[in-house]
Amino acid sequence: MRFTRLLCLLAGVLVVPALRSQNVNPMHPEEIQVQKHTSPEDMRERLANVQLQKDAKDLAELCASVPGDMDGVKQGLLSKDLLEKLKRLEKLSKHVREQVTRASAP
């Protein structure tokens, strides 16, 4: 009997503070803010935006590197990766244009 009372007292001491630390407001439950989970559409949109920014940055870096290679072409020197750069530039510009068009469509 004494052990049961001691066990109940110990459980009360451990459980009551844990309940108080949950920040539950029983008087105004509408004020409780629930964590909002992002929808798959929101997640895809956010990732597409991040990818668009990365593609735009890559596109700008490629564009900046082409004039130096073109100066070499004027002198009769063809950089071995110039054609690959130009193909990549073309693909990135098309992809960025499509993403921007899709984002601006109503």
N, C-alpha and C. Protein backbone atom coordinates (compact mmCIF):
# COMPACT_ATOMS: atom_id res chain seq x y z
N MET A 1 0.83 -1.19 0.00
CA MET A 1 0.00 0.00 0.00
C MET A 1 0.88 1.26 0.00
N ARG A 2 1.88 1.29 0.84
CA ARG A 2 2.78 2.43 0.93
C ARG A 2 3.57 2.58 -0.38
N PHE A 3 3.96 1.46 -0.97
CA PHE A 3 4.69 1.48 -2.23
C PHE A 3 3.83 2.06 -3.35
N THR A 4 2.54 1.73 -3.38
CA THR A 4 1.62 2.25 -4.39
C THR A 4 1.47 3.75 -4.26
N ARG A 5 1.34 4.25 -3.03
CA ARG A 5 1.24 5.70 -2.82
C ARG A 5 2.52 6.40 -3.26
N LEU A 6 3.63 5.81 -2.93
CA LEU A 6 4.92 6.39 -3.31
C LEU A 6 5.07 6.42 -4.84
N LEU A 7 4.63 5.35 -5.49
CA LEU A 7 4.69 5.27 -6.94
C LEU A 7 3.78 6.32 -7.58
N CYS A 8 2.56 6.50 -7.06
CA CYS A 8 1.64 7.51 -7.57
C CYS A 8 2.20 8.92 -7.37
N LEU A 9 2.79 9.17 -6.21
CA LEU A 9 3.38 10.47 -5.94
C LEU A 9 4.55 10.75 -6.89
N LEU A 10 5.37 9.76 -7.10
CA LEU A 10 6.50 9.92 -8.00
C LEU A 10 6.01 10.16 -9.44
N ALA A 11 5.00 9.43 -9.86
CA ALA A 11 4.44 9.62 -11.20
C ALA A 11 3.84 11.02 -11.34
N GLY A 12 3.17 11.49 -10.30
CA GLY A 12 2.59 12.84 -10.33
C GLY A 12 3.66 13.90 -10.42
N VAL A 13 4.75 13.72 -9.72
CA VAL A 13 5.85 14.69 -9.75
C VAL A 13 6.49 14.72 -11.13
N LEU A 14 6.57 13.60 -11.80
CA LEU A 14 7.22 13.55 -13.11
C LEU A 14 6.28 13.97 -14.25
N VAL A 15 5.00 13.63 -14.15
CA VAL A 15 4.07 13.87 -15.26
C VAL A 15 3.54 15.29 -15.28
N VAL A 16 3.21 15.86 -14.13
CA VAL A 16 2.60 17.19 -14.08
C VAL A 16 3.51 18.25 -14.70
N PRO A 17 4.81 18.33 -14.37
CA PRO A 17 5.66 19.34 -15.04
C PRO A 17 5.76 19.11 -16.54
N ALA A 18 5.73 17.87 -16.96
CA ALA A 18 5.80 17.59 -18.41
C ALA A 18 4.55 18.12 -19.11
N LEU A 19 3.40 18.03 -18.48
CA LEU A 19 2.17 18.55 -19.08
C LEU A 19 2.18 20.07 -19.13
N ARG A 20 2.75 20.70 -18.14
CA ARG A 20 2.80 22.17 -18.11
C ARG A 20 3.74 22.72 -19.17
N SER A 21 4.74 21.97 -19.56
CA SER A 21 5.72 22.47 -20.53
C SER A 21 5.24 22.38 -21.96
N GLN A 22 4.02 21.92 -22.21
CA GLN A 22 3.52 21.79 -23.57
C GLN A 22 2.91 23.08 -24.10
N ASN A 23 2.81 24.12 -23.30
CA ASN A 23 2.28 25.42 -23.72
C ASN A 23 0.89 25.32 -24.34
N VAL A 24 0.04 24.53 -23.74
CA VAL A 24 -1.34 24.42 -24.20
C VAL A 24 -2.16 25.44 -23.45
N ASN A 25 -2.94 26.21 -24.18
CA ASN A 25 -3.77 27.23 -23.58
C ASN A 25 -5.22 26.77 -23.65
N PRO A 26 -5.74 26.12 -22.61
CA PRO A 26 -7.10 25.59 -22.68
C PRO A 26 -8.16 26.68 -22.73
N MET A 27 -7.83 27.91 -22.31
CA MET A 27 -8.81 28.99 -22.32
C MET A 27 -9.02 29.56 -23.72
N HIS A 28 -7.99 29.55 -24.55
CA HIS A 28 -8.06 30.11 -25.89
C HIS A 28 -7.43 29.15 -26.90
N PRO A 29 -8.09 28.03 -27.19
CA PRO A 29 -7.48 27.06 -28.10
C PRO A 29 -7.32 27.56 -29.52
N GLU A 30 -8.08 28.58 -29.92
CA GLU A 30 -7.94 29.08 -31.29
C GLU A 30 -6.62 29.80 -31.50
N GLU A 31 -5.95 30.19 -30.42
CA GLU A 31 -4.68 30.89 -30.53
C GLU A 31 -3.50 29.95 -30.70
N ILE A 32 -3.74 28.66 -30.56
CA ILE A 32 -2.66 27.69 -30.69
C ILE A 32 -2.26 27.62 -32.16
N GLN A 33 -1.00 27.77 -32.42
CA GLN A 33 -0.51 27.73 -33.79
C GLN A 33 0.01 26.32 -34.09
N VAL A 34 -0.48 25.77 -35.16
CA VAL A 34 -0.08 24.43 -35.57
C VAL A 34 0.94 24.57 -36.68
N GLN A 35 1.95 23.72 -36.64
CA GLN A 35 2.96 23.76 -37.69
C GLN A 35 2.33 23.35 -39.01
N LYS A 36 2.51 24.19 -40.02
CA LYS A 36 1.92 23.92 -41.32
C LYS A 36 2.90 23.08 -42.14
N HIS A 37 2.41 21.98 -42.65
CA HIS A 37 3.23 21.15 -43.53
C HIS A 37 3.08 21.66 -44.95
N THR A 38 4.19 21.73 -45.65
CA THR A 38 4.13 22.23 -47.02
C THR A 38 3.53 21.16 -47.93
N SER A 39 2.77 21.61 -48.87
CA SER A 39 2.15 20.69 -49.83
C SER A 39 3.20 20.30 -50.87
N PRO A 40 2.98 19.20 -51.57
CA PRO A 40 3.92 18.81 -52.62
C PRO A 40 4.05 19.87 -53.71
N GLU A 41 2.96 20.58 -54.00
CA GLU A 41 3.01 21.63 -55.02
C GLU A 41 3.91 22.78 -54.57
N ASP A 42 3.78 23.16 -53.28
CA ASP A 42 4.63 24.23 -52.75
C ASP A 42 6.10 23.82 -52.78
N MET A 43 6.36 22.56 -52.43
CA MET A 43 7.73 22.06 -52.41
C MET A 43 8.31 22.06 -53.82
N ARG A 44 7.54 21.60 -54.80
CA ARG A 44 8.01 21.60 -56.19
C ARG A 44 8.27 23.01 -56.68
N GLU A 45 7.37 23.93 -56.33
CA GLU A 45 7.52 25.32 -56.76
C GLU A 45 8.80 25.93 -56.16
N ARG A 46 9.03 25.67 -54.88
CA ARG A 46 10.22 26.19 -54.23
C ARG A 46 11.49 25.61 -54.85
N LEU A 47 11.48 24.30 -55.11
CA LEU A 47 12.65 23.66 -55.71
C LEU A 47 12.88 24.15 -57.13
N ALA A 48 11.79 24.36 -57.88
CA ALA A 48 11.91 24.87 -59.24
C ALA A 48 12.52 26.26 -59.22
N ASN A 49 12.12 27.07 -58.24
CA ASN A 49 12.66 28.42 -58.13
C ASN A 49 14.15 28.38 -57.80
N VAL A 50 14.55 27.48 -56.92
CA VAL A 50 15.97 27.33 -56.58
C VAL A 50 16.75 26.88 -57.81
N GLN A 51 16.19 25.91 -58.55
CA GLN A 51 16.85 25.42 -59.76
C GLN A 51 16.94 26.53 -60.81
N LEU A 52 15.90 27.34 -60.93
CA LEU A 52 15.92 28.45 -61.88
C LEU A 52 17.04 29.43 -61.53
N GLN A 53 17.20 29.75 -60.26
CA GLN A 53 18.27 30.66 -59.84
C GLN A 53 19.64 30.07 -60.16
N LYS A 54 19.80 28.77 -59.92
CA LYS A 54 21.07 28.10 -60.20
C LYS A 54 21.35 28.11 -61.70
N ASP A 55 20.33 27.80 -62.50
CA ASP A 55 20.49 27.80 -63.96
C ASP A 55 20.83 29.19 -64.47
N ALA A 56 20.19 30.21 -63.92
CA ALA A 56 20.48 31.59 -64.35
C ALA A 56 21.92 31.98 -64.00
N LYS A 57 22.38 31.54 -62.84
CA LYS A 57 23.77 31.83 -62.45
C LYS A 57 24.74 31.11 -63.38
N ASP A 58 24.48 29.83 -63.68
CA ASP A 58 25.33 29.08 -64.61
C ASP A 58 25.34 29.73 -65.98
N LEU A 59 24.18 30.18 -66.42
CA LEU A 59 24.05 30.84 -67.71
C LEU A 59 24.90 32.11 -67.76
N ALA A 60 24.85 32.89 -66.69
CA ALA A 60 25.65 34.12 -66.64
C ALA A 60 27.15 33.82 -66.66
N GLU A 61 27.56 32.77 -65.96
CA GLU A 61 28.99 32.39 -65.95
C GLU A 61 29.44 31.94 -67.33
N LEU A 62 28.59 31.15 -68.00
CA LEU A 62 28.93 30.71 -69.36
C LEU A 62 29.03 31.89 -70.31
N CYS A 63 28.06 32.80 -70.21
CA CYS A 63 28.06 33.99 -71.09
C CYS A 63 29.32 34.82 -70.88
N ALA A 64 29.77 34.90 -69.64
CA ALA A 64 30.97 35.69 -69.35
C ALA A 64 32.23 35.04 -69.91
N SER A 65 32.22 33.72 -70.05
CA SER A 65 33.43 33.03 -70.52
C SER A 65 33.53 32.98 -72.05
N VAL A 66 32.44 33.18 -72.75
CA VAL A 66 32.44 33.04 -74.21
C VAL A 66 33.25 34.14 -74.92
N PRO A 67 33.16 35.41 -74.54
CA PRO A 67 33.93 36.43 -75.29
C PRO A 67 35.43 36.16 -75.33
N GLY A 68 36.00 35.64 -74.27
CA GLY A 68 37.43 35.31 -74.29
C GLY A 68 37.74 34.21 -75.29
N ASP A 69 36.87 33.22 -75.36
CA ASP A 69 37.05 32.14 -76.33
C ASP A 69 36.88 32.67 -77.75
N MET A 70 35.96 33.61 -77.94
CA MET A 70 35.74 34.17 -79.28
C MET A 70 36.93 35.02 -79.73
N ASP A 71 37.62 35.65 -78.79
CA ASP A 71 38.84 36.38 -79.15
C ASP A 71 39.89 35.40 -79.69
N GLY A 72 39.93 34.23 -79.11
CA GLY A 72 40.85 33.20 -79.61
C GLY A 72 40.48 32.75 -81.01
N VAL A 73 39.17 32.66 -81.29
CA VAL A 73 38.72 32.27 -82.62
C VAL A 73 39.16 33.31 -83.66
N LYS A 74 39.11 34.60 -83.28
CA LYS A 74 39.55 35.66 -84.19
C LYS A 74 41.02 35.47 -84.57
N GLN A 75 41.79 34.92 -83.66
CA GLN A 75 43.22 34.72 -83.91
C GLN A 75 43.49 33.34 -84.52
N GLY A 76 42.43 32.58 -84.79
CA GLY A 76 42.61 31.28 -85.41
C GLY A 76 42.76 30.14 -84.41
N LEU A 77 42.50 30.40 -83.12
CA LEU A 77 42.61 29.36 -82.09
C LEU A 77 41.20 28.98 -81.62
N LEU A 78 40.85 27.72 -81.81
CA LEU A 78 39.54 27.25 -81.37
C LEU A 78 39.69 26.49 -80.07
N SER A 79 39.09 27.01 -79.03
CA SER A 79 39.12 26.33 -77.74
C SER A 79 38.39 25.00 -77.86
N LYS A 80 38.96 23.95 -77.25
CA LYS A 80 38.38 22.61 -77.41
C LYS A 80 37.00 22.49 -76.77
N ASP A 81 36.70 23.32 -75.77
CA ASP A 81 35.40 23.21 -75.12
C ASP A 81 34.43 24.32 -75.51
N LEU A 82 34.78 25.14 -76.49
CA LEU A 82 33.90 26.24 -76.90
C LEU A 82 32.56 25.72 -77.44
N LEU A 83 32.60 24.70 -78.28
CA LEU A 83 31.36 24.18 -78.85
C LEU A 83 30.47 23.58 -77.76
N GLU A 84 31.08 22.91 -76.79
CA GLU A 84 30.29 22.36 -75.68
C GLU A 84 29.70 23.49 -74.82
N LYS A 85 30.47 24.54 -74.62
CA LYS A 85 29.96 25.70 -73.87
C LYS A 85 28.76 26.31 -74.57
N LEU A 86 28.86 26.44 -75.89
CA LEU A 86 27.78 27.05 -76.66
C LEU A 86 26.52 26.17 -76.63
N LYS A 87 26.70 24.86 -76.71
CA LYS A 87 25.55 23.96 -76.61
C LYS A 87 24.91 24.07 -75.23
N ARG A 88 25.74 24.08 -74.20
CA ARG A 88 25.22 24.19 -72.82
C ARG A 88 24.51 25.53 -72.63
N LEU A 89 25.11 26.59 -73.21
CA LEU A 89 24.50 27.92 -73.11
C LEU A 89 23.12 27.93 -73.78
N GLU A 90 23.03 27.28 -74.92
CA GLU A 90 21.75 27.22 -75.64
C GLU A 90 20.70 26.46 -74.83
N LYS A 91 21.08 25.32 -74.26
CA LYS A 91 20.13 24.53 -73.46
C LYS A 91 19.70 25.28 -72.21
N LEU A 92 20.65 25.89 -71.52
CA LEU A 92 20.31 26.64 -70.30
C LEU A 92 19.40 27.82 -70.60
N SER A 93 19.70 28.54 -71.68
CA SER A 93 18.87 29.71 -72.00
C SER A 93 17.45 29.27 -72.34
N LYS A 94 17.31 28.15 -73.05
CA LYS A 94 15.97 27.65 -73.37
C LYS A 94 15.24 27.24 -72.10
N HIS A 95 15.94 26.56 -71.22
CA HIS A 95 15.33 26.09 -69.96
C HIS A 95 14.90 27.28 -69.09
N VAL A 96 15.76 28.27 -68.96
CA VAL A 96 15.44 29.45 -68.16
C VAL A 96 14.26 30.19 -68.76
N ARG A 97 14.25 30.34 -70.08
CA ARG A 97 13.13 31.01 -70.75
C ARG A 97 11.82 30.28 -70.50
N GLU A 98 11.83 28.95 -70.59
CA GLU A 98 10.62 28.17 -70.34
C GLU A 98 10.14 28.32 -68.89
N GLN A 99 11.08 28.29 -67.95
CA GLN A 99 10.70 28.43 -66.53
C GLN A 99 10.11 29.81 -66.24
N VAL A 100 10.72 30.84 -66.80
CA VAL A 100 10.22 32.20 -66.58
C VAL A 100 8.85 32.37 -67.24
N THR A 101 8.68 31.80 -68.43
CA THR A 101 7.39 31.87 -69.12
C THR A 101 6.32 31.15 -68.31
N ARG A 102 6.65 29.97 -67.78
CA ARG A 102 5.70 29.20 -66.98
C ARG A 102 5.35 29.94 -65.69
N ALA A 103 6.33 30.58 -65.08
CA ALA A 103 6.09 31.30 -63.82
C ALA A 103 5.25 32.55 -64.03
N SER A 104 5.39 33.17 -65.19
CA SER A 104 4.64 34.42 -65.42
C SER A 104 3.27 34.17 -66.02
N ALA A 105 2.98 32.94 -66.43
CA ALA A 105 1.66 32.64 -66.99
C ALA A 105 0.62 32.66 -65.88
N PRO A 106 -0.60 33.17 -66.16
CA PRO A 106 -1.63 33.26 -65.13
C PRO A 106 -2.17 31.90 -64.70
